[in-house]
Every structure is written in C-alpha cells, then in structure tokens.
Amino acid sequence: MNIPSLTASSSIKNNFYPPEVLTRTPPNTIADIANPIIQTIYILAGIITLAGLIYGGLMYAMGANQSEAPRIEAGKRALTWSIIGLVILIGIFWIVQLLEIFLGIDILNPGAIINS
C-alpha cells in the first residue's frame, strides 16, 4: 500500500491553488498593506453614509406626514450627521490626494510605482 507523504509537491499545489496565488509576492511596503484597508474603509463609510441619508429621509418624511415632532427631529439629526460624515469622508479623500501630490507617492495605487 502506497501512502502519500505529507509534503506537498508542486503538482499538488497546482491542483489546489490558481496560478496567480502561486506567483503572488508578499507585501513589501506599508502602502501595500494600507491600500486595501483604506479602500475598504472608503467603501464602508460610503455605504454607511448612504444608509444614514436614506434612514434620515424616511424618518423625516414619515414624521412630516403624521405631524410627529420626535420623528421629524430624529430624521433631521440623522440627515445632519450623515451629511457631516459625508463631508468628513470627502475631506479625508482630498487630504490623501494632496499627500499623494506633495509626497509623490501613489498611496491608493502602490502597484503603479512598482510597475513603472
């Protein structure tokens, strides 16, 4: 009876992993690690802001229809904080863009530096 060894040969690796995984290099710089994190934070913040705007708008509209002051105030607060969050999100994005220009580092796309 032939028992396979526990060490993985290259043929076994090629059966389990796609070629791009086998040729991927580990991150070399902090930008390689921070880039996906920053992009994910932007996406999540945008989704949260959109949900807050929708929620605030619905609360405001439902309160106005029934003349309920607490619901109208809750809607106004949600809309106000969502707009403040959107302004902060856009401000942070602009700051990152300015840092890219002044420092000459492509923070949101570090692959462009490596490939050029």
Protein backbone atom coordinates (compact mmCIF):
# COMPACT_ATOMS: atom_id res chain seq x y z
CA MET A 1 0.00 0.00 0.00
CA ASN A 2 1.40 3.36 -1.07
CA ILE A 3 0.78 6.13 1.48
CA PRO A 4 1.34 9.67 0.15
CA SER A 5 3.75 11.82 2.10
CA LEU A 6 2.59 14.94 3.93
CA THR A 7 4.87 17.24 1.96
CA ALA A 8 3.14 18.95 -0.93
CA SER A 9 4.74 18.58 -4.31
CA SER A 10 4.40 21.24 -6.98
CA SER A 11 1.79 19.17 -8.85
CA ILE A 12 -0.42 19.02 -5.77
CA LYS A 13 -0.04 22.77 -5.18
CA ASN A 14 -1.03 23.49 -8.77
CA ASN A 15 -4.21 21.46 -8.34
CA PHE A 16 -5.35 23.41 -5.28
CA TYR A 17 -4.30 26.99 -5.98
CA PRO A 18 -4.86 29.18 -9.05
CA PRO A 19 -1.65 30.37 -10.76
CA GLU A 20 -1.96 33.98 -9.56
CA VAL A 21 -1.86 32.80 -5.94
CA LEU A 22 1.33 30.81 -6.50
CA THR A 23 3.11 33.76 -8.13
CA ARG A 24 1.90 36.43 -5.69
CA THR A 25 4.61 38.19 -3.73
CA PRO A 26 4.18 39.22 -0.11
CA PRO A 27 3.65 42.92 0.65
CA ASN A 28 6.91 44.86 0.57
CA THR A 29 5.83 48.23 1.91
CA ILE A 30 3.35 49.69 4.34
CA ALA A 31 1.43 51.09 1.36
CA ASP A 32 0.88 47.53 0.09
CA ILE A 33 -0.82 46.70 3.37
CA ALA A 34 -2.64 50.00 3.92
CA ASN A 35 -4.02 50.34 0.37
CA PRO A 36 -6.74 47.65 0.60
CA ILE A 37 -7.61 48.75 4.14
CA ILE A 38 -8.06 52.40 3.08
CA GLN A 39 -10.15 51.44 0.06
CA THR A 40 -12.36 49.17 2.20
CA ILE A 41 -12.86 51.94 4.76
CA TYR A 42 -13.90 54.35 1.98
CA ILE A 43 -16.43 51.86 0.65
CA LEU A 44 -17.87 51.05 4.08
CA ALA A 45 -18.08 54.73 5.04
CA GLY A 46 -19.88 55.49 1.80
CA ILE A 47 -22.38 52.69 2.38
CA ILE A 48 -22.99 53.81 5.98
CA THR A 49 -23.45 57.42 4.83
CA LEU A 50 -25.94 56.37 2.15
CA ALA A 51 -27.87 54.26 4.65
CA GLY A 52 -27.95 57.18 7.10
CA LEU A 53 -29.25 59.53 4.42
CA ILE A 54 -31.97 57.08 3.42
CA TYR A 55 -32.93 56.41 7.05
CA GLY A 56 -32.99 60.12 7.94
CA GLY A 57 -35.02 60.97 4.86
CA LEU A 58 -37.56 58.26 5.60
CA MET A 59 -37.85 59.31 9.25
CA TYR A 60 -38.31 62.94 8.26
CA ALA A 61 -40.90 62.09 5.61
CA MET A 62 -42.88 59.76 7.87
CA GLY A 63 -42.84 62.26 10.72
CA ALA A 64 -43.97 65.10 8.48
CA ASN A 65 -46.86 63.04 7.20
CA GLN A 66 -48.18 62.37 10.71
CA SER A 67 -47.04 65.68 12.29
CA GLU A 68 -44.90 63.83 14.84
CA ALA A 69 -42.26 66.20 16.20
CA PRO A 70 -39.96 63.50 17.72
CA ARG A 71 -39.81 61.58 14.46
CA ILE A 72 -39.11 64.76 12.47
CA GLU A 73 -36.30 65.68 14.89
CA ALA A 74 -34.81 62.18 14.66
CA GLY A 75 -34.89 62.42 10.88
CA LYS A 76 -33.21 65.84 10.96
CA ARG A 77 -30.48 64.55 13.28
CA ALA A 78 -29.84 61.50 11.08
CA LEU A 79 -29.68 63.65 7.95
CA THR A 80 -27.39 66.20 9.64
CA TRP A 81 -24.93 63.59 10.91
CA SER A 82 -24.97 61.72 7.61
CA ILE A 83 -24.09 64.91 5.73
CA ILE A 84 -21.36 65.70 8.27
CA GLY A 85 -19.99 62.17 7.78
CA LEU A 86 -20.04 62.63 4.01
CA VAL A 87 -18.15 65.92 4.30
CA ILE A 88 -15.55 64.26 6.55
CA LEU A 89 -15.23 61.33 4.13
CA ILE A 90 -14.68 63.66 1.17
CA GLY A 91 -12.24 65.76 3.22
CA ILE A 92 -10.16 62.71 4.13
CA PHE A 93 -10.12 61.62 0.50
CA TRP A 94 -8.88 65.08 -0.54
CA ILE A 95 -6.19 65.00 2.14
CA VAL A 96 -4.96 61.64 0.85
CA GLN A 97 -4.94 63.03 -2.70
CA LEU A 98 -2.92 66.08 -1.57
CA LEU A 99 -0.45 63.83 0.24
CA GLU A 100 -0.05 61.83 -2.96
CA ILE A 101 0.71 65.01 -4.91
CA PHE A 102 3.08 66.59 -2.40
CA LEU A 103 4.94 63.43 -1.40
CA GLY A 104 4.94 61.90 -4.88
CA ILE A 105 3.70 58.57 -3.54
CA ASP A 106 0.70 56.84 -5.05
CA ILE A 107 -0.99 55.85 -1.76
CA LEU A 108 -4.17 54.39 -3.22
CA ASN A 109 -2.42 52.52 -6.04
CA PRO A 110 1.03 51.31 -4.96
CA GLY A 111 1.19 48.89 -7.89
CA ALA A 112 1.64 51.84 -10.27
CA ILE A 113 5.01 52.65 -8.67
CA ILE A 114 6.22 49.07 -8.86
CA ASN A 115 5.07 48.53 -12.46
CA SER A 116 6.57 51.76 -13.81
